Amino acid sequence: MKVAVVGVQGDVEEHVFATKLAMDKLGIDGEVIATRRPGVVESCDAVIIPGGESTTISKLIFRKIGGKTIADEIISLAKKGKPIMGTCAGLILLSKYGDEQVERTGTKLLGLLDVKIKRNAFGRQRESFQVPIEFKGIGTIEAIFIRAPAIVDVGKDVEVLAKFENYIVAVKQNNILGLAFHPELNAEYGDTRVHEFFLNIANI
């Protein structure tokens, strides 16, 4: 199995580490590649879009290099049924609908998840927090929210996997997984269950 981590900005190395560790635990033979240019994603079996600054990531993945964009490759892979996971800013980019902040900043979305997103739903960076949540199919996990978005509306084909307060914070729609928090940060303590969940989607 070959997994690409979109490496233009954000928690790239943390996702690479978490995915490699999850692969080891599951006994999956494969590689994890961080990429900043088109040409890699299209050859992979799964893709992760990390957290970071969504407007910046959007500009970089939609930028044409040699006539190609990373965004087009992600969309093409998703249509082929390959798993895509977006965390925090990655969730924003996967969404079909944004809020006024998304519109104001001109952030272009991939439109792969039939959800409406609220950017910075839990406040600014200094209001980041960690809290246990129930994740369907996994159990209780520690969710780390850093200037996090939240899902305020979902389409009929979207499965809700986790909630916090009045917000939806994890969803799955067929092969697309969207999370408002940062599961890659739990890998430092050996917890790679979310990445294992994602890899199991890829390995079906």
Protein backbone atom coordinates (compact mmCIF):
# COMPACT_ATOMS: atom_id res chain seq x y z
CA MET A 1 0.00 0.00 0.00
CA LYS A 2 1.18 3.49 -0.87
CA VAL A 3 -0.19 6.44 1.11
CA ALA A 4 0.39 10.09 0.17
CA VAL A 5 0.38 12.88 2.74
CA VAL A 6 -0.20 16.25 1.09
CA GLY A 7 2.88 18.07 2.29
CA VAL A 8 2.37 21.66 1.23
CA GLN A 9 1.77 22.95 4.78
CA GLY A 10 0.68 21.80 8.25
CA ASP A 11 1.11 18.63 10.34
CA VAL A 12 2.82 16.67 7.60
CA GLU A 13 5.56 14.75 9.43
CA GLU A 14 3.18 13.89 12.28
CA HIS A 15 0.81 12.21 9.80
CA VAL A 16 3.69 10.38 8.11
CA PHE A 17 4.85 9.03 11.49
CA ALA A 18 1.32 8.08 12.60
CA THR A 19 0.54 6.32 9.31
CA LYS A 20 3.80 4.35 9.33
CA LEU A 21 3.18 3.28 12.93
CA ALA A 22 -0.41 2.26 12.12
CA MET A 23 0.84 0.24 9.14
CA ASP A 24 3.30 -1.59 11.38
CA LYS A 25 0.57 -2.40 13.89
CA LEU A 26 -1.73 -3.72 11.16
CA GLY A 27 1.03 -5.67 9.45
CA ILE A 28 0.58 -3.70 6.22
CA ASP A 29 3.53 -3.63 3.87
CA GLY A 30 3.76 -0.21 2.26
CA GLU A 31 5.18 3.27 2.21
CA VAL A 32 4.09 6.77 3.20
CA ILE A 33 5.16 9.67 1.01
CA ALA A 34 4.88 13.39 1.76
CA THR A 35 4.46 15.35 -1.46
CA ARG A 36 4.28 18.99 -2.49
CA ARG A 37 3.94 18.47 -6.23
CA PRO A 38 1.50 16.80 -8.63
CA GLY A 39 2.42 13.36 -9.92
CA VAL A 40 2.62 11.46 -6.63
CA VAL A 41 -0.97 11.43 -5.35
CA GLU A 42 -2.29 9.87 -8.57
CA SER A 43 -0.08 6.81 -8.03
CA CYS A 44 -1.19 6.20 -4.43
CA ASP A 45 -3.80 3.98 -2.77
CA ALA A 46 -4.88 6.55 -0.16
CA VAL A 47 -4.34 10.24 0.64
CA ILE A 48 -4.22 12.32 3.82
CA ILE A 49 -4.74 16.10 3.86
CA PRO A 50 -3.31 17.42 7.15
CA GLY A 51 -4.32 20.32 9.34
CA GLY A 52 -2.70 23.71 8.91
CA GLU A 53 -4.02 26.92 7.37
CA SER A 54 -6.84 26.00 5.00
CA THR A 55 -6.59 29.06 2.73
CA THR A 56 -2.86 28.49 2.21
CA ILE A 57 -3.25 24.76 1.59
CA SER A 58 -6.10 25.44 -0.86
CA LYS A 59 -4.00 27.87 -2.91
CA LEU A 60 -1.11 25.43 -3.08
CA ILE A 61 -3.07 22.30 -4.02
CA PHE A 62 -5.04 24.14 -6.72
CA ARG A 63 -1.88 25.70 -8.18
CA LYS A 64 -0.97 24.27 -11.59
CA ILE A 65 2.50 22.79 -11.95
CA GLY A 66 3.27 21.33 -15.36
CA GLY A 67 -0.41 21.57 -16.27
CA LYS A 68 -1.48 19.51 -13.24
CA THR A 69 -2.78 20.23 -9.74
CA ILE A 70 -2.70 18.13 -6.59
CA ALA A 71 -6.39 18.99 -6.13
CA ASP A 72 -7.34 17.39 -9.46
CA GLU A 73 -5.40 14.25 -8.49
CA ILE A 74 -7.17 14.04 -5.11
CA ILE A 75 -10.59 14.40 -6.77
CA SER A 76 -9.71 11.79 -9.39
CA LEU A 77 -8.52 9.34 -6.74
CA ALA A 78 -11.67 9.90 -4.67
CA LYS A 79 -13.87 9.15 -7.70
CA LYS A 80 -12.01 5.85 -8.12
CA GLY A 81 -13.04 4.91 -4.57
CA LYS A 82 -9.62 5.42 -3.01
CA PRO A 83 -9.75 6.59 0.64
CA ILE A 84 -9.09 10.24 1.44
CA MET A 85 -8.74 11.57 5.00
CA GLY A 86 -8.77 15.25 5.93
CA THR A 87 -8.03 16.51 9.44
CA CYS A 88 -8.81 20.02 10.73
CA ALA A 89 -7.96 22.23 7.72
CA GLY A 90 -8.08 19.06 5.61
CA LEU A 91 -11.72 18.61 6.65
CA ILE A 92 -12.51 22.16 5.53
CA LEU A 93 -10.96 21.48 2.11
CA LEU A 94 -12.86 18.20 1.65
CA SER A 95 -16.20 19.88 2.35
CA LYS A 96 -18.77 20.91 -0.22
CA TYR A 97 -20.01 23.99 1.66
CA GLY A 98 -18.15 26.58 3.73
CA ASP A 99 -19.18 29.44 6.00
CA GLU A 100 -18.70 33.18 5.54
CA GLN A 101 -15.01 32.93 6.55
CA VAL A 102 -14.38 30.39 3.79
CA GLU A 103 -16.16 32.63 1.28
CA ARG A 104 -14.44 35.81 2.46
CA THR A 105 -10.96 34.29 2.15
CA GLY A 106 -11.76 32.81 -1.27
CA THR A 107 -10.81 29.33 -0.09
CA LYS A 108 -11.49 26.87 -2.91
CA LEU A 109 -12.94 23.56 -1.69
CA LEU A 110 -12.63 20.04 -3.11
CA GLY A 111 -16.36 19.34 -2.57
CA LEU A 112 -15.92 15.63 -1.81
CA LEU A 113 -17.85 15.57 1.48
CA ASP A 114 -21.53 16.54 1.48
CA VAL A 115 -21.20 18.68 4.61
CA LYS A 116 -21.29 22.33 5.63
CA ILE A 117 -18.31 23.47 7.63
CA LYS A 118 -17.89 26.22 10.21
CA ARG A 119 -14.33 27.46 10.35
CA ASN A 120 -12.78 28.22 13.79
CA ALA A 121 -15.91 26.84 15.48
CA PHE A 122 -14.17 26.49 18.84
CA GLY A 123 -12.23 29.76 18.88
CA ARG A 124 -8.69 30.84 18.10
CA GLN A 125 -5.33 29.11 18.64
CA ARG A 126 -5.09 30.03 22.34
CA GLU A 127 -8.44 28.32 22.93
CA SER A 128 -7.17 24.92 21.78
CA PHE A 129 -8.13 21.97 23.98
CA GLN A 130 -8.12 18.21 24.38
CA VAL A 131 -11.19 16.17 25.32
CA PRO A 132 -12.29 12.51 25.25
CA ILE A 133 -14.95 11.73 22.63
CA GLU A 134 -16.74 8.60 21.49
CA PHE A 135 -15.72 7.62 17.96
CA LYS A 136 -18.00 5.11 16.24
CA GLY A 137 -16.14 1.91 15.45
CA ILE A 138 -13.18 2.79 17.68
CA GLY A 139 -14.40 3.77 21.16
CA THR A 140 -13.18 6.58 23.39
CA ILE A 141 -10.31 8.62 21.98
CA GLU A 142 -8.54 11.78 23.07
CA ALA A 143 -9.39 14.46 20.52
CA ILE A 144 -7.07 17.46 20.22
CA PHE A 145 -8.77 20.56 18.79
CA ILE A 146 -6.48 23.35 17.56
CA ARG A 147 -8.30 26.34 16.04
CA ALA A 148 -10.66 23.66 14.84
CA PRO A 149 -13.58 23.70 12.42
CA ALA A 150 -16.81 21.81 12.99
CA ILE A 151 -19.53 20.33 10.82
CA VAL A 152 -22.91 22.04 11.16
CA ASP A 153 -24.89 20.13 8.52
CA VAL A 154 -24.56 16.79 6.72
CA GLY A 155 -26.11 15.23 3.63
CA LYS A 156 -28.13 12.02 3.74
CA ASP A 157 -25.21 9.81 2.64
CA VAL A 158 -22.87 11.05 5.36
CA GLU A 159 -22.29 8.86 8.42
CA VAL A 160 -21.66 10.74 11.67
CA LEU A 161 -18.79 9.11 13.59
CA ALA A 162 -18.29 11.53 16.49
CA LYS A 163 -19.79 14.60 18.13
CA PHE A 164 -18.62 17.14 20.68
CA GLU A 165 -21.16 19.42 22.36
CA ASN A 166 -23.61 20.44 19.61
CA TYR A 167 -21.15 19.94 16.78
CA ILE A 168 -20.31 17.00 14.52
CA VAL A 169 -16.54 16.48 14.55
CA ALA A 170 -16.01 13.27 12.54
CA VAL A 171 -17.80 11.90 9.48
CA LYS A 172 -17.45 9.29 6.77
CA GLN A 173 -19.02 9.34 3.33
CA ASN A 174 -18.15 6.19 1.42
CA ASN A 175 -14.35 6.41 1.02
CA ILE A 176 -13.97 9.94 2.43
CA LEU A 177 -13.13 10.51 6.12
CA GLY A 178 -13.26 13.99 7.66
CA LEU A 179 -12.14 14.92 11.18
CA ALA A 180 -12.21 18.30 12.94
CA PHE A 181 -9.40 17.31 15.33
CA HIS A 182 -5.78 16.11 15.11
CA PRO A 183 -5.50 12.30 15.50
CA GLU A 184 -1.88 12.35 14.32
CA LEU A 185 -0.82 13.99 17.59
CA ASN A 186 -1.96 10.91 19.53
CA ALA A 187 0.62 8.76 17.75
CA GLU A 188 3.31 10.29 19.96
CA TYR A 189 1.71 8.29 22.78
CA GLY A 190 1.25 5.17 20.67
CA ASP A 191 -2.45 5.66 19.87
CA THR A 192 -2.89 5.23 16.11
CA ARG A 193 -6.44 3.87 16.15
CA VAL A 194 -7.85 6.58 13.87
CA HIS A 195 -5.12 6.00 11.29
CA GLU A 196 -5.71 2.26 11.58
CA PHE A 197 -9.43 2.90 10.98
CA PHE A 198 -8.50 4.86 7.85
CA LEU A 199 -6.06 2.22 6.61
CA ASN A 200 -8.70 -0.46 7.09
CA ILE A 201 -10.96 1.50 4.73
CA ALA A 202 -8.09 1.53 2.24
CA ASN A 203 -7.39 -2.16 2.70
CA ILE A 204 -10.93 -3.47 2.19
